PDB file of N, CA and C in Angstrom:
ATOM      1  N   MET A   1    -160.157  69.308  95.659  1.00  0.00           N
ATOM      2  CA  MET A   1    -159.417  69.397  96.677  1.00  0.00           C
ATOM      3  C   MET A   1    -158.212  70.336  95.436  1.00  0.00           C
ATOM      4  N   GLY A   2    -157.446  70.712  96.219  1.00  0.00           N
ATOM      5  CA  GLY A   2    -156.163  71.493  95.826  1.00  0.00           C
ATOM      6  C   GLY A   2    -155.001  71.270  96.051  1.00  0.00           C
ATOM      7  N   THR A   3    -153.786  71.591  95.337  1.00  0.00           N
ATOM      8  CA  THR A   3    -152.424  71.344  95.871  1.00  0.00           C
ATOM      9  C   THR A   3    -151.820  72.423  96.372  1.00  0.00           C
ATOM     10  N   GLY A   4    -152.691  73.785  96.407  1.00  0.00           N
ATOM     11  CA  GLY A   4    -151.801  74.766  96.958  1.00  0.00           C
ATOM     12  C   GLY A   4    -151.237  75.755  95.675  1.00  0.00           C
ATOM     13  N   ASN A   5    -151.112  75.054  94.688  1.00  0.00           N
ATOM     14  CA  ASN A   5    -150.457  75.657  93.391  1.00  0.00           C
ATOM     15  C   ASN A   5    -151.617  75.694  92.291  1.00  0.00           C
ATOM     16  N   GLY A   6    -151.847  77.204  91.926  1.00  0.00           N
ATOM     17  CA  GLY A   6    -152.846  77.338  90.933  1.00  0.00           C
ATOM     18  C   GLY A   6    -152.284  77.135  89.636  1.00  0.00           C
ATOM     19  N   PHE A   7    -153.143  76.851  88.395  1.00  0.00           N
ATOM     20  CA  PHE A   7    -153.033  76.572  87.228  1.00  0.00           C
ATOM     21  C   PHE A   7    -154.102  77.194  86.525  1.00  0.00           C
ATOM     22  N   SER A   8    -153.317  77.932  85.271  1.00  0.00           N
ATOM     23  CA  SER A   8    -154.262  78.755  84.347  1.00  0.00           C
ATOM     24  C   SER A   8    -155.028  77.744  83.440  1.00  0.00           C
ATOM     25  N   VAL A   9    -156.524  78.106  83.011  1.00  0.00           N
ATOM     26  CA  VAL A   9    -157.121  77.112  82.153  1.00  0.00           C
ATOM     27  C   VAL A   9    -156.247  76.757  80.817  1.00  0.00           C
ATOM     28  N   LEU A  10    -155.388  77.799  80.312  1.00  0.00           N
ATOM     29  CA  LEU A  10    -154.504  77.432  79.443  1.00  0.00           C
ATOM     30  C   LEU A  10    -153.602  76.620  79.658  1.00  0.00           C
ATOM     31  N   GLU A  11    -152.936  76.555  81.154  1.00  0.00           N
ATOM     32  CA  GLU A  11    -151.869  75.419  81.216  1.00  0.00           C
ATOM     33  C   GLU A  11    -152.335  74.251  81.164  1.00  0.00           C
ATOM     34  N   VAL A  12    -153.845  74.183  81.818  1.00  0.00           N
ATOM     35  CA  VAL A  12    -154.363  72.850  81.906  1.00  0.00           C
ATOM     36  C   VAL A  12    -154.814  72.291  80.488  1.00  0.00           C
ATOM     37  N   ILE A  13    -155.226  73.226  79.373  1.00  0.00           N
ATOM     38  CA  ILE A  13    -155.439  72.643  78.124  1.00  0.00           C
ATOM     39  C   ILE A  13    -154.057  72.498  77.331  1.00  0.00           C
ATOM     40  N   LYS A  14    -152.916  73.103  77.514  1.00  0.00           N
ATOM     41  CA  LYS A  14    -151.915  72.725  76.959  1.00  0.00           C
ATOM     42  C   LYS A  14    -150.965  71.582  77.244  1.00  0.00           C
ATOM     43  N   THR A  15    -151.103  71.322  78.634  1.00  0.00           N
ATOM     44  CA  THR A  15    -150.764  69.933  79.090  1.00  0.00           C
ATOM     45  C   THR A  15    -151.627  68.894  78.690  1.00  0.00           C
ATOM     46  N   PHE A  16    -152.932  68.850  78.823  1.00  0.00           N
ATOM     47  CA  PHE A  16    -153.919  68.004  78.321  1.00  0.00           C
ATOM     48  C   PHE A  16    -153.368  67.413  76.823  1.00  0.00           C
ATOM     49  N   GLU A  17    -153.234  68.434  76.089  1.00  0.00           N
ATOM     50  CA  GLU A  17    -152.889  68.360  74.713  1.00  0.00           C
ATOM     51  C   GLU A  17    -151.844  67.591  74.369  1.00  0.00           C
ATOM     52  N   GLU A  18    -150.804  67.979  75.372  1.00  0.00           N
ATOM     53  CA  GLU A  18    -149.255  67.306  75.073  1.00  0.00           C
ATOM     54  C   GLU A  18    -149.317  65.950  75.691  1.00  0.00           C
ATOM     55  N   VAL A  19    -150.307  65.665  76.758  1.00  0.00           N
ATOM     56  CA  VAL A  19    -150.288  64.106  77.281  1.00  0.00           C
ATOM     57  C   VAL A  19    -151.332  63.208  76.277  1.00  0.00           C
ATOM     58  N   SER A  20    -152.319  63.813  75.948  1.00  0.00           N
ATOM     59  CA  SER A  20    -153.192  63.043  74.910  1.00  0.00           C
ATOM     60  C   SER A  20    -152.807  62.873  73.564  1.00  0.00           C
ATOM     61  N   LYS A  21    -152.071  63.701  73.203  1.00  0.00           N
ATOM     62  CA  LYS A  21    -151.730  64.000  71.856  1.00  0.00           C
ATOM     63  C   LYS A  21    -153.079  64.347  70.872  1.00  0.00           C
ATOM     64  N   LYS A  22    -153.793  65.088  71.459  1.00  0.00           N
ATOM     65  CA  LYS A  22    -155.087  65.458  70.784  1.00  0.00           C
ATOM     66  C   LYS A  22    -155.063  67.220  70.909  1.00  0.00           C
ATOM     67  N   ASN A  23    -155.331  67.703  69.737  1.00  0.00           N
ATOM     68  CA  ASN A  23    -155.764  69.065  69.914  1.00  0.00           C
ATOM     69  C   ASN A  23    -157.242  69.494  70.379  1.00  0.00           C
ATOM     70  N   LEU A  24    -157.348  70.537  71.403  1.00  0.00           N
ATOM     71  CA  LEU A  24    -158.725  70.734  71.899  1.00  0.00           C
ATOM     72  C   LEU A  24    -159.166  71.808  70.930  1.00  0.00           C
ATOM     73  N   ASN A  25    -160.277  71.972  70.728  1.00  0.00           N
ATOM     74  CA  ASN A  25    -160.753  73.252  70.175  1.00  0.00           C
ATOM     75  C   ASN A  25    -161.404  74.346  71.016  1.00  0.00           C
ATOM     76  N   TYR A  26    -160.601  74.903  71.147  1.00  0.00           N
ATOM     77  CA  TYR A  26    -160.811  76.355  71.921  1.00  0.00           C
ATOM     78  C   TYR A  26    -160.673  77.812  71.397  1.00  0.00           C
ATOM     79  N   GLU A  27    -161.204  78.710  72.021  1.00  0.00           N
ATOM     80  CA  GLU A  27    -161.057  80.240  71.754  1.00  0.00           C
ATOM     81  C   GLU A  27    -160.584  80.702  72.873  1.00  0.00           C
ATOM     82  N   ILE A  28    -159.683  81.899  72.720  1.00  0.00           N
ATOM     83  CA  ILE A  28    -159.532  82.764  73.979  1.00  0.00           C
ATOM     84  C   ILE A  28    -160.152  83.941  73.693  1.00  0.00           C
ATOM     85  N   VAL A  29    -161.016  84.259  74.688  1.00  0.00           N
ATOM     86  CA  VAL A  29    -161.741  85.533  74.593  1.00  0.00           C
ATOM     87  C   VAL A  29    -161.877  86.225  75.786  1.00  0.00           C
ATOM     88  N   GLU A  30    -162.685  87.523  75.887  1.00  0.00           N
ATOM     89  CA  GLU A  30    -162.871  88.099  77.089  1.00  0.00           C
ATOM     90  C   GLU A  30    -163.113  87.444  77.971  1.00  0.00           C
ATOM     91  N   ARG A  31    -162.872  87.798  79.249  1.00  0.00           N
ATOM     92  CA  ARG A  31    -163.716  87.347  80.417  1.00  0.00           C
ATOM     93  C   ARG A  31    -164.939  87.477  80.750  1.00  0.00           C
ATOM     94  N   ARG A  32    -166.034  86.606  80.910  1.00  0.00           N
ATOM     95  CA  ARG A  32    -167.396  86.924  81.006  1.00  0.00           C
ATOM     96  C   ARG A  32    -167.499  87.531  82.056  1.00  0.00           C
ATOM     97  N   ALA A  33    -168.742  88.470  82.356  1.00  0.00           N
ATOM     98  CA  ALA A  33    -169.279  88.976  83.775  1.00  0.00           C
ATOM     99  C   ALA A  33    -169.524  88.162  84.532  1.00  0.00           C
ATOM    100  N   GLY A  34    -168.849  88.178  85.783  1.00  0.00           N
ATOM    101  CA  GLY A  34    -168.934  87.297  86.902  1.00  0.00           C
ATOM    102  C   GLY A  34    -167.634  86.432  87.271  1.00  0.00           C
ATOM    103  N   ASP A  35    -167.232  86.212  86.040  1.00  0.00           N
ATOM    104  CA  ASP A  35    -165.966  85.277  86.054  1.00  0.00           C
ATOM    105  C   ASP A  35    -164.666  85.674  87.306  1.00  0.00           C
ATOM    106  N   VAL A  36    -164.345  84.837  88.167  1.00  0.00           N
ATOM    107  CA  VAL A  36    -163.491  85.404  88.991  1.00  0.00           C
ATOM    108  C   VAL A  36    -162.318  85.417  88.261  1.00  0.00           C
ATOM    109  N   PRO A  37    -161.191  86.353  88.431  1.00  0.00           N
ATOM    110  CA  PRO A  37    -159.884  86.449  87.906  1.00  0.00           C
ATOM    111  C   PRO A  37    -159.100  85.288  88.307  1.00  0.00           C
ATOM    112  N   LYS A  38    -159.109  84.772  89.723  1.00  0.00           N
ATOM    113  CA  LYS A  38    -158.167  83.765  90.169  1.00  0.00           C
ATOM    114  C   LYS A  38    -159.104  83.032  91.137  1.00  0.00           C
ATOM    115  N   LEU A  39    -158.637  81.699  91.251  1.00  0.00           N
ATOM    116  CA  LEU A  39    -159.458  80.781  92.231  1.00  0.00           C
ATOM    117  C   LEU A  39    -158.392  79.461  92.536  1.00  0.00           C
ATOM    118  N   TYR A  40    -158.432  79.775  93.999  1.00  0.00           N
ATOM    119  CA  TYR A  40    -157.379  78.388  94.527  1.00  0.00           C
ATOM    120  C   TYR A  40    -157.943  77.992  95.495  1.00  0.00           C
ATOM    121  N   ALA A  41    -157.489  76.620  95.639  1.00  0.00           N
ATOM    122  CA  ALA A  41    -158.161  75.692  96.743  1.00  0.00           C
ATOM    123  C   ALA A  41    -157.023  75.646  97.810  1.00  0.00           C
ATOM    124  N   ASP A  42    -157.518  75.716  99.115  1.00  0.00           N
ATOM    125  CA  ASP A  42    -156.268  75.264 100.137  1.00  0.00           C
ATOM    126  C   ASP A  42    -156.549  74.063 100.757  1.00  0.00           C
ATOM    127  N   ALA A  43    -155.922  73.336 100.799  1.00  0.00           N
ATOM    128  CA  ALA A  43    -155.888  71.929 101.248  1.00  0.00           C
ATOM    129  C   ALA A  43    -155.376  71.501 102.511  1.00  0.00           C
ATOM    130  N   LYS A  44    -155.324  72.924 103.479  1.00  0.00           N
ATOM    131  CA  LYS A  44    -154.684  72.304 104.587  1.00  0.00           C
ATOM    132  C   LYS A  44    -155.623  71.739 105.601  1.00  0.00           C
ATOM    133  N   LEU A  45    -156.804  72.051 105.342  1.00  0.00           N
ATOM    134  CA  LEU A  45    -157.591  71.333 106.336  1.00  0.00           C
ATOM    135  C   LEU A  45    -158.119  69.710 106.044  1.00  0.00           C
ATOM    136  N   ALA A  46    -157.771  69.643 104.620  1.00  0.00           N
ATOM    137  CA  ALA A  46    -157.958  67.762 104.341  1.00  0.00           C
ATOM    138  C   ALA A  46    -156.620  67.357 104.968  1.00  0.00           C
ATOM    139  N   GLU A  47    -155.482  68.162 104.780  1.00  0.00           N
ATOM    140  CA  GLU A  47    -154.102  67.235 105.156  1.00  0.00           C
ATOM    141  C   GLU A  47    -154.303  67.275 107.043  1.00  0.00           C
ATOM    142  N   LYS A  48    -154.822  68.446 107.705  1.00  0.00           N
ATOM    143  CA  LYS A  48    -155.058  68.334 109.085  1.00  0.00           C
ATOM    144  C   LYS A  48    -156.016  67.150 109.403  1.00  0.00           C
ATOM    145  N   LYS A  49    -157.372  67.185 108.865  1.00  0.00           N
ATOM    146  CA  LYS A  49    -158.236  66.233 109.449  1.00  0.00           C
ATOM    147  C   LYS A  49    -158.044  64.897 108.862  1.00  0.00           C
ATOM    148  N   LEU A  50    -157.954  64.535 107.453  1.00  0.00           N
ATOM    149  CA  LEU A  50    -157.759  63.558 106.805  1.00  0.00           C
ATOM    150  C   LEU A  50    -156.460  62.944 106.828  1.00  0.00           C
ATOM    151  N   ASN A  51    -155.354  63.579 107.175  1.00  0.00           N
ATOM    152  CA  ASN A  51    -153.891  63.282 107.120  1.00  0.00           C
ATOM    153  C   ASN A  51    -153.578  62.870 105.528  1.00  0.00           C
ATOM    154  N   TRP A  52    -154.138  63.948 104.506  1.00  0.00           N
ATOM    155  CA  TRP A  52    -154.273  63.460 103.311  1.00  0.00           C
ATOM    156  C   TRP A  52    -153.478  64.909 102.330  1.00  0.00           C
ATOM    157  N   LYS A  53    -152.695  64.601 101.272  1.00  0.00           N
ATOM    158  CA  LYS A  53    -152.213  65.766 100.846  1.00  0.00           C
ATOM    159  C   LYS A  53    -151.791  65.437  99.293  1.00  0.00           C
ATOM    160  N   ALA A  54    -152.292  66.150  98.431  1.00  0.00           N
ATOM    161  CA  ALA A  54    -152.044  65.981  96.914  1.00  0.00           C
ATOM    162  C   ALA A  54    -150.432  66.139  96.728  1.00  0.00           C
ATOM    163  N   GLU A  55    -150.036  65.006  96.153  1.00  0.00           N
ATOM    164  CA  GLU A  55    -148.564  64.836  95.810  1.00  0.00           C
ATOM    165  C   GLU A  55    -148.376  65.125  94.283  1.00  0.00           C
ATOM    166  N   ARG A  56    -149.228  64.838  93.603  1.00  0.00           N
ATOM    167  CA  ARG A  56    -148.810  64.594  91.886  1.00  0.00           C
ATOM    168  C   ARG A  56    -148.879  65.879  91.311  1.00  0.00           C
ATOM    169  N   THR A  57    -148.080  66.049  90.160  1.00  0.00           N
ATOM    170  CA  THR A  57    -148.031  67.355  89.512  1.00  0.00           C
ATOM    171  C   THR A  57    -149.252  67.287  88.549  1.00  0.00           C
ATOM    172  N   LEU A  58    -149.437  68.432  87.777  1.00  0.00           N
ATOM    173  CA  LEU A  58    -150.462  68.794  87.103  1.00  0.00           C
ATOM    174  C   LEU A  58    -150.303  67.746  85.580  1.00  0.00           C
ATOM    175  N   ASP A  59    -149.131  67.429  85.170  1.00  0.00           N
ATOM    176  CA  ASP A  59    -148.807  66.561  84.232  1.00  0.00           C
ATOM    177  C   ASP A  59    -149.204  65.170  84.869  1.00  0.00           C
ATOM    178  N   GLU A  60    -148.622  64.706  85.832  1.00  0.00           N
ATOM    179  CA  GLU A  60    -148.980  63.118  86.414  1.00  0.00           C
ATOM    180  C   GLU A  60    -150.563  63.131  86.562  1.00  0.00           C
ATOM    181  N   MET A  61    -151.223  64.249  86.855  1.00  0.00           N
ATOM    182  CA  MET A  61    -152.933  64.289  87.333  1.00  0.00           C
ATOM    183  C   MET A  61    -153.480  64.092  85.951  1.00  0.00           C
ATOM    184  N   ILE A  62    -152.963  64.702  84.968  1.00  0.00           N
ATOM    185  CA  ILE A  62    -153.758  64.654  83.658  1.00  0.00           C
ATOM    186  C   ILE A  62    -153.260  63.175  83.172  1.00  0.00           C
ATOM    187  N   LYS A  63    -152.134  62.540  83.029  1.00  0.00           N
ATOM    188  CA  LYS A  63    -151.912  61.356  82.463  1.00  0.00           C
ATOM    189  C   LYS A  63    -152.756  60.603  82.940  1.00  0.00           C
ATOM    190  N   SER A  64    -153.042  60.432  84.659  1.00  0.00           N
ATOM    191  CA  SER A  64    -153.511  59.462  85.186  1.00  0.00           C
ATOM    192  C   SER A  64    -155.277  59.380  84.974  1.00  0.00           C
ATOM    193  N   PHE A  65    -155.713  60.747  84.646  1.00  0.00           N
ATOM    194  CA  PHE A  65    -157.071  60.933  83.971  1.00  0.00           C
ATOM    195  C   PHE A  65    -157.123  60.253  82.695  1.00  0.00           C
ATOM    196  N   TRP A  66    -156.189  60.533  81.763  1.00  0.00           N
ATOM    197  CA  TRP A  66    -156.433  60.243  80.605  1.00  0.00           C
ATOM    198  C   TRP A  66    -156.175  58.746  80.364  1.00  0.00           C
ATOM    199  N   VAL A  67    -155.413  58.070  81.084  1.00  0.00           N
ATOM    200  CA  VAL A  67    -155.397  56.512  81.150  1.00  0.00           C
ATOM    201  C   VAL A  67    -156.514  56.088  81.499  1.00  0.00           C
ATOM    202  N   TRP A  68    -157.330  56.469  82.750  1.00  0.00           N
ATOM    203  CA  TRP A  68    -158.704  56.286  83.363  1.00  0.00           C
ATOM    204  C   TRP A  68    -159.640  56.280  82.173  1.00  0.00           C
ATOM    205  N   GLU A  69    -159.789  57.443  81.315  1.00  0.00           N
ATOM    206  CA  GLU A  69    -160.653  57.799  80.327  1.00  0.00           C
ATOM    207  C   GLU A  69    -160.602  56.881  79.116  1.00  0.00           C
ATOM    208  N   GLN A  70    -159.451  56.476  78.827  1.00  0.00           N
ATOM    209  CA  GLN A  70    -159.366  55.668  77.603  1.00  0.00           C
ATOM    210  C   GLN A  70    -159.818  54.107  78.134  1.00  0.00           C
ATOM    211  N   LYS A  71    -159.780  53.736  79.198  1.00  0.00           N
ATOM    212  CA  LYS A  71    -160.244  52.642  79.676  1.00  0.00           C
ATOM    213  C   LYS A  71    -161.735  52.645  79.811  1.00  0.00           C
ATOM    214  N   ALA A  72    -162.199  53.710  79.986  1.00  0.00           N
ATOM    215  CA  ALA A  72    -163.706  53.678  80.443  1.00  0.00           C
ATOM    216  C   ALA A  72    -164.439  53.723  78.942  1.00  0.00           C
ATOM    217  N   ARG A  73    -163.678  54.203  77.956  1.00  0.00           N
ATOM    218  CA  ARG A  73    -164.371  54.306  76.931  1.00  0.00           C
ATOM    219  C   ARG A  73    -164.505  52.848  76.032  1.00  0.00           C
ATOM    220  N   LYS A  74    -163.880  51.996  76.415  1.00  0.00           N
ATOM    221  CA  LYS A  74    -164.075  50.420  75.942  1.00  0.00           C
ATOM    222  C   LYS A  74    -164.954  49.858  76.321  1.00  0.00           C
TER     223      LYS A  74
END
């Protein structure tokens, strides 16, 4: 599902690093053959059929995931 707002991979990485206080090991390299330049999800059908709409920001989503992950590791 999507929010209708796109995020770059680097935005997700940087947000995760800020939330988790962990540095991720990554490299910025050329795009691979077959990689799409942009990919967006349109959640209008889910809103219409399920009466559901994503409301959290990227920061909130990653914080929620990180709390869950920490509990799952115990």
